[in-house]
Amino acid sequence: MTKADQVSNLTLDKQICFSLYSASNAMGRAYQPLLKKLDLTYLQYIVMMVLWQSSTLNVKELGCKVHLDSGTLTPLLKRLEGKGLITRSRCKEDERVRIISLSDQGRNLRQQAEQVPNAMLCKSKMTLDELTALKQACDLLFANLNN
């Protein structure tokens, strides 16, 4: 590879990271009006989706599922608790462990959130197969970069 070839690889239009960054920002902007109706931020929505699937988890388990550390997760959980969507309690066996559970209000919010995935599918203007392939590629990239 010549020096000219190496320099040409440093153009923004050839950078996968920039495409992912741009798509991620656009995705966040597309979610905003949908999540505003639910009074949730995107990260709060992600946490709620995990809790709708498993109504009770400890903070460490939750953090693993949403790829967030406890320093980021704790203030987010406090805000969700303040909104009445979750409860935070101490584990009876180990008081250092925080248990996160859905409240009735949090469970009920799921019904309103059911329309979000379909609305995002429509906004993407991509087929379900295209989006599935994109998700699989992103999941593989994430796994490879985290080894």
Protein backbone atom coordinates (compact mmCIF):
# COMPACT_ATOMS: atom_id res chain seq x y z
CA MET A 1 0.00 0.00 0.00
CA THR A 2 1.42 3.37 -0.99
CA LYS A 3 1.41 6.45 1.17
CA ALA A 4 -1.26 7.94 -1.10
CA ASP A 5 -3.46 4.87 -0.52
CA GLN A 6 -3.04 5.20 3.24
CA VAL A 7 -4.03 8.87 3.17
CA SER A 8 -7.08 8.13 1.03
CA ASN A 9 -8.35 5.76 3.76
CA LEU A 10 -8.58 8.75 6.08
CA THR A 11 -11.53 10.30 4.31
CA LEU A 12 -14.74 10.65 6.29
CA ASP A 13 -16.88 8.99 3.62
CA LYS A 14 -14.92 5.72 4.07
CA GLN A 15 -15.29 5.54 7.85
CA ILE A 16 -17.74 2.95 9.18
CA CYS A 17 -17.58 4.61 12.59
CA PHE A 18 -18.94 7.86 11.14
CA SER A 19 -21.80 6.05 9.41
CA LEU A 20 -22.70 4.30 12.67
CA TYR A 21 -22.39 7.56 14.62
CA SER A 22 -24.59 9.44 12.13
CA ALA A 23 -27.19 6.66 11.98
CA SER A 24 -27.24 6.44 15.78
CA ASN A 25 -27.85 10.18 16.11
CA ALA A 26 -30.60 10.06 13.48
CA MET A 27 -32.18 7.08 15.26
CA GLY A 28 -32.17 9.01 18.55
CA ARG A 29 -33.83 12.01 16.91
CA ALA A 30 -36.46 9.74 15.34
CA TYR A 31 -37.28 8.19 18.73
CA GLN A 32 -37.63 11.54 20.54
CA PRO A 33 -41.21 12.46 19.57
CA LEU A 34 -42.42 8.91 20.19
CA LEU A 35 -40.78 8.69 23.61
CA LYS A 36 -41.84 12.21 24.58
CA LYS A 37 -45.44 10.91 24.61
CA LEU A 38 -44.29 8.31 27.17
CA ASP A 39 -42.24 10.87 29.14
CA LEU A 40 -39.12 8.73 28.67
CA THR A 41 -35.62 9.34 27.39
CA TYR A 42 -34.13 6.76 25.05
CA LEU A 43 -32.03 5.17 27.83
CA GLN A 44 -35.05 5.09 30.14
CA TYR A 45 -37.01 3.38 27.35
CA ILE A 46 -34.26 0.76 26.96
CA VAL A 47 -34.33 0.05 30.71
CA MET A 48 -38.11 -0.16 30.71
CA MET A 49 -38.05 -2.63 27.79
CA VAL A 50 -35.75 -4.91 29.79
CA LEU A 51 -38.00 -4.61 32.84
CA TRP A 52 -41.13 -5.30 30.78
CA GLN A 53 -39.43 -8.56 29.80
CA SER A 54 -38.11 -9.42 33.31
CA SER A 55 -40.10 -7.45 35.86
CA THR A 56 -37.45 -7.71 38.60
CA LEU A 57 -33.65 -7.56 38.26
CA ASN A 58 -30.73 -6.39 40.32
CA VAL A 59 -28.76 -3.37 39.11
CA LYS A 60 -25.81 -5.48 37.96
CA GLU A 61 -28.01 -7.79 35.86
CA LEU A 62 -29.82 -4.80 34.39
CA GLY A 63 -26.54 -3.04 33.60
CA CYS A 64 -25.27 -6.11 31.74
CA LYS A 65 -28.41 -6.27 29.62
CA VAL A 66 -28.37 -2.58 28.65
CA HIS A 67 -24.56 -2.24 28.47
CA LEU A 68 -24.42 0.51 31.12
CA ASP A 69 -22.34 0.73 34.28
CA SER A 70 -23.90 1.40 37.67
CA GLY A 71 -22.60 4.99 37.67
CA THR A 72 -24.73 5.74 34.60
CA LEU A 73 -27.61 3.49 35.59
CA THR A 74 -28.15 4.71 39.17
CA PRO A 75 -29.26 8.29 38.35
CA LEU A 76 -31.40 6.98 35.51
CA LEU A 77 -33.11 4.52 37.88
CA LYS A 78 -33.67 7.27 40.46
CA ARG A 79 -35.47 9.32 37.79
CA LEU A 80 -37.63 6.34 36.79
CA GLU A 81 -38.44 5.79 40.46
CA GLY A 82 -39.33 9.49 40.79
CA LYS A 83 -41.78 9.06 37.90
CA GLY A 84 -43.37 6.14 39.75
CA LEU A 85 -42.41 3.58 37.06
CA ILE A 86 -40.10 1.39 39.17
CA THR A 87 -39.23 0.64 42.76
CA ARG A 88 -35.71 0.21 44.11
CA SER A 89 -35.19 -1.93 47.17
CA ARG A 90 -32.37 -3.73 48.96
CA CYS A 91 -31.84 -7.47 48.58
CA LYS A 92 -32.71 -9.29 51.81
CA GLU A 93 -29.74 -11.67 51.46
CA ASP A 94 -27.18 -8.95 50.62
CA GLU A 95 -28.01 -5.33 51.44
CA ARG A 96 -25.35 -4.08 49.01
CA VAL A 97 -27.47 -5.35 46.10
CA ARG A 98 -30.23 -3.11 44.74
CA ILE A 99 -33.33 -4.81 43.32
CA ILE A 100 -35.25 -3.01 40.57
CA SER A 101 -38.92 -3.87 40.03
CA LEU A 102 -41.68 -2.49 37.87
CA SER A 103 -44.45 -0.61 39.62
CA ASP A 104 -48.06 -0.97 38.47
CA GLN A 105 -47.67 2.34 36.64
CA GLY A 106 -44.53 1.02 34.94
CA ARG A 107 -46.34 -2.15 33.85
CA ASN A 108 -49.22 -0.10 32.48
CA LEU A 109 -46.87 2.10 30.44
CA ARG A 110 -46.03 -0.93 28.33
CA GLN A 111 -49.38 -0.71 26.55
CA GLN A 112 -48.63 2.83 25.40
CA ALA A 113 -45.11 1.82 24.34
CA GLU A 114 -46.37 -1.02 22.12
CA GLN A 115 -46.71 1.38 19.16
CA VAL A 116 -43.08 2.57 19.24
CA PRO A 117 -41.37 -0.33 17.39
CA ASN A 118 -43.85 -0.25 14.50
CA ALA A 119 -43.62 3.53 14.23
CA MET A 120 -39.81 3.23 14.04
CA LEU A 121 -40.12 0.52 11.38
CA CYS A 122 -42.22 2.90 9.29
CA LYS A 123 -39.81 5.80 9.85
CA SER A 124 -36.83 3.68 8.75
CA LYS A 125 -38.34 3.01 5.31
CA MET A 126 -36.48 -0.31 5.34
CA THR A 127 -37.86 -3.83 5.17
CA LEU A 128 -37.96 -6.04 8.22
CA ASP A 129 -35.33 -8.28 6.57
CA GLU A 130 -33.01 -5.30 5.98
CA LEU A 131 -33.39 -4.14 9.57
CA THR A 132 -32.84 -7.66 10.91
CA ALA A 133 -29.62 -7.99 8.88
CA LEU A 134 -28.48 -4.56 10.10
CA LYS A 135 -29.16 -5.52 13.72
CA GLN A 136 -27.26 -8.78 13.32
CA ALA A 137 -24.29 -6.96 11.78
CA CYS A 138 -24.28 -4.38 14.60
CA ASP A 139 -24.53 -7.13 17.24
CA LEU A 140 -21.58 -8.95 15.66
CA LEU A 141 -19.53 -5.75 15.49
CA PHE A 142 -20.34 -5.01 19.14
CA ALA A 143 -19.31 -8.52 20.20
CA ASN A 144 -16.08 -8.39 18.20
CA LEU A 145 -15.09 -4.98 19.57
CA ASN A 146 -15.80 -6.05 23.16
CA ASN A 147 -13.46 -9.06 23.11
